[in-house]
N, C-alpha and C. Protein backbone atom coordinates (compact mmCIF):
# COMPACT_ATOMS: atom_id res chain seq x y z
N MET A 1 -4.05 6.00 -1.11
CA MET A 1 -5.05 6.02 -2.13
C MET A 1 -5.57 4.58 -2.29
N LEU A 2 -6.86 4.44 -2.37
CA LEU A 2 -7.45 3.12 -2.60
C LEU A 2 -7.87 3.02 -4.06
N ALA A 3 -7.33 2.04 -4.76
CA ALA A 3 -7.62 1.86 -6.18
C ALA A 3 -8.62 0.73 -6.37
N TYR A 4 -9.62 0.96 -7.22
CA TYR A 4 -10.61 -0.07 -7.54
C TYR A 4 -10.78 -0.25 -9.04
N MET A 5 -10.09 0.61 -9.83
CA MET A 5 -10.16 0.52 -11.28
C MET A 5 -8.74 0.57 -11.85
N MET A 6 -8.57 -0.01 -13.04
CA MET A 6 -7.31 0.05 -13.76
C MET A 6 -7.64 0.09 -15.25
N TYR A 7 -7.19 1.13 -15.94
CA TYR A 7 -7.49 1.30 -17.36
C TYR A 7 -9.00 1.30 -17.63
N ASP A 8 -9.74 2.02 -16.78
CA ASP A 8 -11.20 2.16 -16.93
C ASP A 8 -11.98 0.85 -16.78
N GLU A 9 -11.38 -0.13 -16.13
CA GLU A 9 -12.03 -1.42 -15.87
C GLU A 9 -11.89 -1.73 -14.38
N PRO A 10 -12.80 -2.53 -13.81
CA PRO A 10 -12.63 -2.94 -12.41
C PRO A 10 -11.28 -3.62 -12.20
N LEU A 11 -10.64 -3.36 -11.07
CA LEU A 11 -9.33 -3.92 -10.76
C LEU A 11 -9.40 -5.45 -10.71
N PRO A 12 -8.63 -6.16 -11.55
CA PRO A 12 -8.66 -7.62 -11.56
C PRO A 12 -8.11 -8.20 -10.25
N LEU A 13 -8.56 -9.39 -9.89
CA LEU A 13 -8.09 -10.05 -8.67
C LEU A 13 -6.58 -10.22 -8.66
N GLU A 14 -5.98 -10.55 -9.79
CA GLU A 14 -4.52 -10.77 -9.83
C GLU A 14 -3.74 -9.48 -9.62
N ASN A 15 -4.39 -8.34 -9.73
CA ASN A 15 -3.75 -7.05 -9.48
C ASN A 15 -4.21 -6.43 -8.16
N GLY A 16 -4.85 -7.24 -7.31
CA GLY A 16 -5.24 -6.76 -6.00
C GLY A 16 -6.71 -6.45 -5.84
N GLY A 17 -7.52 -6.69 -6.88
CA GLY A 17 -8.94 -6.38 -6.82
C GLY A 17 -9.65 -7.15 -5.73
N PRO A 18 -10.74 -6.66 -5.25
CA PRO A 18 -11.46 -5.51 -5.77
C PRO A 18 -10.94 -4.15 -5.28
N LEU A 19 -10.04 -4.14 -4.29
CA LEU A 19 -9.55 -2.88 -3.73
C LEU A 19 -8.09 -3.04 -3.33
N ARG A 20 -7.26 -2.08 -3.75
CA ARG A 20 -5.83 -2.14 -3.47
C ARG A 20 -5.36 -0.80 -2.92
N LEU A 21 -4.48 -0.83 -1.93
CA LEU A 21 -3.90 0.38 -1.37
C LEU A 21 -2.66 0.75 -2.18
N VAL A 22 -2.61 1.98 -2.68
CA VAL A 22 -1.49 2.47 -3.47
C VAL A 22 -0.93 3.71 -2.78
N MET A 23 0.38 3.74 -2.58
CA MET A 23 1.04 4.88 -1.96
C MET A 23 1.88 5.57 -3.03
N PRO A 24 1.34 6.61 -3.71
CA PRO A 24 2.10 7.29 -4.76
C PRO A 24 3.43 7.85 -4.25
N ARG A 25 4.44 7.80 -5.10
CA ARG A 25 5.79 8.32 -4.84
C ARG A 25 6.51 7.59 -3.72
N MET A 26 6.05 6.41 -3.34
CA MET A 26 6.72 5.61 -2.32
C MET A 26 7.09 4.26 -2.92
N PHE A 27 8.09 3.62 -2.32
CA PHE A 27 8.48 2.29 -2.79
C PHE A 27 7.31 1.31 -2.68
N GLY A 28 7.34 0.28 -3.48
CA GLY A 28 6.26 -0.69 -3.55
C GLY A 28 5.93 -1.38 -2.24
N TYR A 29 6.89 -1.53 -1.33
CA TYR A 29 6.60 -2.22 -0.07
C TYR A 29 5.63 -1.44 0.81
N LYS A 30 5.36 -0.17 0.48
CA LYS A 30 4.39 0.62 1.24
C LYS A 30 2.98 0.45 0.69
N SER A 31 2.84 -0.19 -0.46
CA SER A 31 1.52 -0.46 -1.02
C SER A 31 1.05 -1.84 -0.57
N VAL A 32 -0.24 -2.05 -0.59
CA VAL A 32 -0.82 -3.32 -0.14
C VAL A 32 -1.65 -3.88 -1.28
N LYS A 33 -1.38 -5.13 -1.68
CA LYS A 33 -2.09 -5.70 -2.82
C LYS A 33 -3.52 -6.06 -2.48
N TRP A 34 -3.77 -6.67 -1.33
CA TRP A 34 -5.13 -7.03 -0.94
C TRP A 34 -5.45 -6.41 0.41
N VAL A 35 -6.51 -5.62 0.47
CA VAL A 35 -6.91 -4.96 1.71
C VAL A 35 -7.91 -5.84 2.43
N ASN A 36 -7.57 -6.26 3.67
CA ASN A 36 -8.49 -7.05 4.50
C ASN A 36 -9.19 -6.19 5.53
N LYS A 37 -8.44 -5.22 6.08
CA LYS A 37 -9.02 -4.29 7.03
C LYS A 37 -8.13 -3.06 7.11
N ILE A 38 -8.69 -1.98 7.61
CA ILE A 38 -7.95 -0.74 7.81
C ILE A 38 -8.08 -0.37 9.28
N THR A 39 -6.93 -0.16 9.95
CA THR A 39 -6.91 0.21 11.36
C THR A 39 -6.27 1.59 11.48
N ILE A 40 -6.95 2.49 12.17
CA ILE A 40 -6.43 3.83 12.39
C ILE A 40 -5.88 3.92 13.80
N THR A 41 -4.62 4.37 13.93
CA THR A 41 -3.97 4.45 15.24
C THR A 41 -3.49 5.89 15.49
N LYS A 42 -3.24 6.20 16.75
CA LYS A 42 -2.73 7.52 17.11
C LYS A 42 -1.23 7.65 16.83
N THR A 43 -0.51 6.55 16.88
CA THR A 43 0.92 6.55 16.64
C THR A 43 1.25 5.67 15.44
N GLN A 44 2.37 5.98 14.80
CA GLN A 44 2.80 5.19 13.65
C GLN A 44 3.36 3.86 14.13
N GLU A 45 2.94 2.78 13.49
CA GLU A 45 3.42 1.45 13.85
C GLU A 45 4.48 0.99 12.86
N ILE A 46 5.38 0.17 13.32
CA ILE A 46 6.42 -0.40 12.47
C ILE A 46 5.84 -1.60 11.74
N GLY A 47 5.99 -1.60 10.43
CA GLY A 47 5.45 -2.68 9.61
C GLY A 47 6.44 -3.82 9.41
N TYR A 48 6.01 -4.80 8.64
CA TYR A 48 6.82 -5.99 8.38
C TYR A 48 8.19 -5.63 7.82
N TRP A 49 8.25 -4.84 6.73
CA TRP A 49 9.52 -4.54 6.07
C TRP A 49 10.39 -3.62 6.90
N GLU A 50 9.78 -2.73 7.66
CA GLU A 50 10.55 -1.83 8.49
C GLU A 50 11.31 -2.58 9.58
N LYS A 51 10.81 -3.71 10.00
CA LYS A 51 11.51 -4.54 10.99
C LYS A 51 12.85 -5.06 10.44
N PHE A 52 12.97 -5.07 9.12
CA PHE A 52 14.19 -5.55 8.46
C PHE A 52 15.06 -4.40 7.96
N GLY A 53 14.78 -3.17 8.41
CA GLY A 53 15.64 -2.05 8.08
C GLY A 53 15.17 -1.12 6.98
N TYR A 54 14.03 -1.41 6.37
CA TYR A 54 13.52 -0.51 5.34
C TYR A 54 13.02 0.78 6.00
N LYS A 55 13.06 1.89 5.26
CA LYS A 55 12.65 3.17 5.79
C LYS A 55 11.15 3.18 6.13
N VAL A 56 10.81 3.81 7.23
CA VAL A 56 9.41 3.89 7.65
C VAL A 56 8.59 4.74 6.69
N ASP A 57 9.18 5.84 6.19
CA ASP A 57 8.40 6.71 5.31
C ASP A 57 8.30 6.16 3.89
N GLY A 58 9.18 5.27 3.48
CA GLY A 58 9.09 4.61 2.18
C GLY A 58 9.17 5.55 0.98
N VAL A 59 9.75 6.71 1.15
CA VAL A 59 9.82 7.69 0.07
C VAL A 59 10.89 7.28 -0.93
N SER A 60 10.55 7.34 -2.22
CA SER A 60 11.49 6.91 -3.26
C SER A 60 12.22 8.07 -3.93
N TYR A 61 12.10 9.26 -3.39
CA TYR A 61 12.82 10.40 -3.93
C TYR A 61 13.56 11.12 -2.79
N PRO A 62 14.62 11.88 -3.11
CA PRO A 62 15.40 12.54 -2.03
C PRO A 62 14.62 13.60 -1.29
C-alpha cells in the first residue's frame, strides 16, 4: 500500500512523505519510509534485512 496522507493531511517528510510504502500486518522492516523507485521482478528478491536472517514474508502473526 502506498500512503500519501496521514490524519487527513499530506504525509509529512519526517514520516516518509510525500509517499511511503506500508505493508499492513507485516513487521516494520517490510515497509519503506522513502520511495525512490519501484522495480517489478518475476522472482522474489532477498532484501537487506533478510540477508541477516529475518523472514522473507515479514508476517507478524502466526
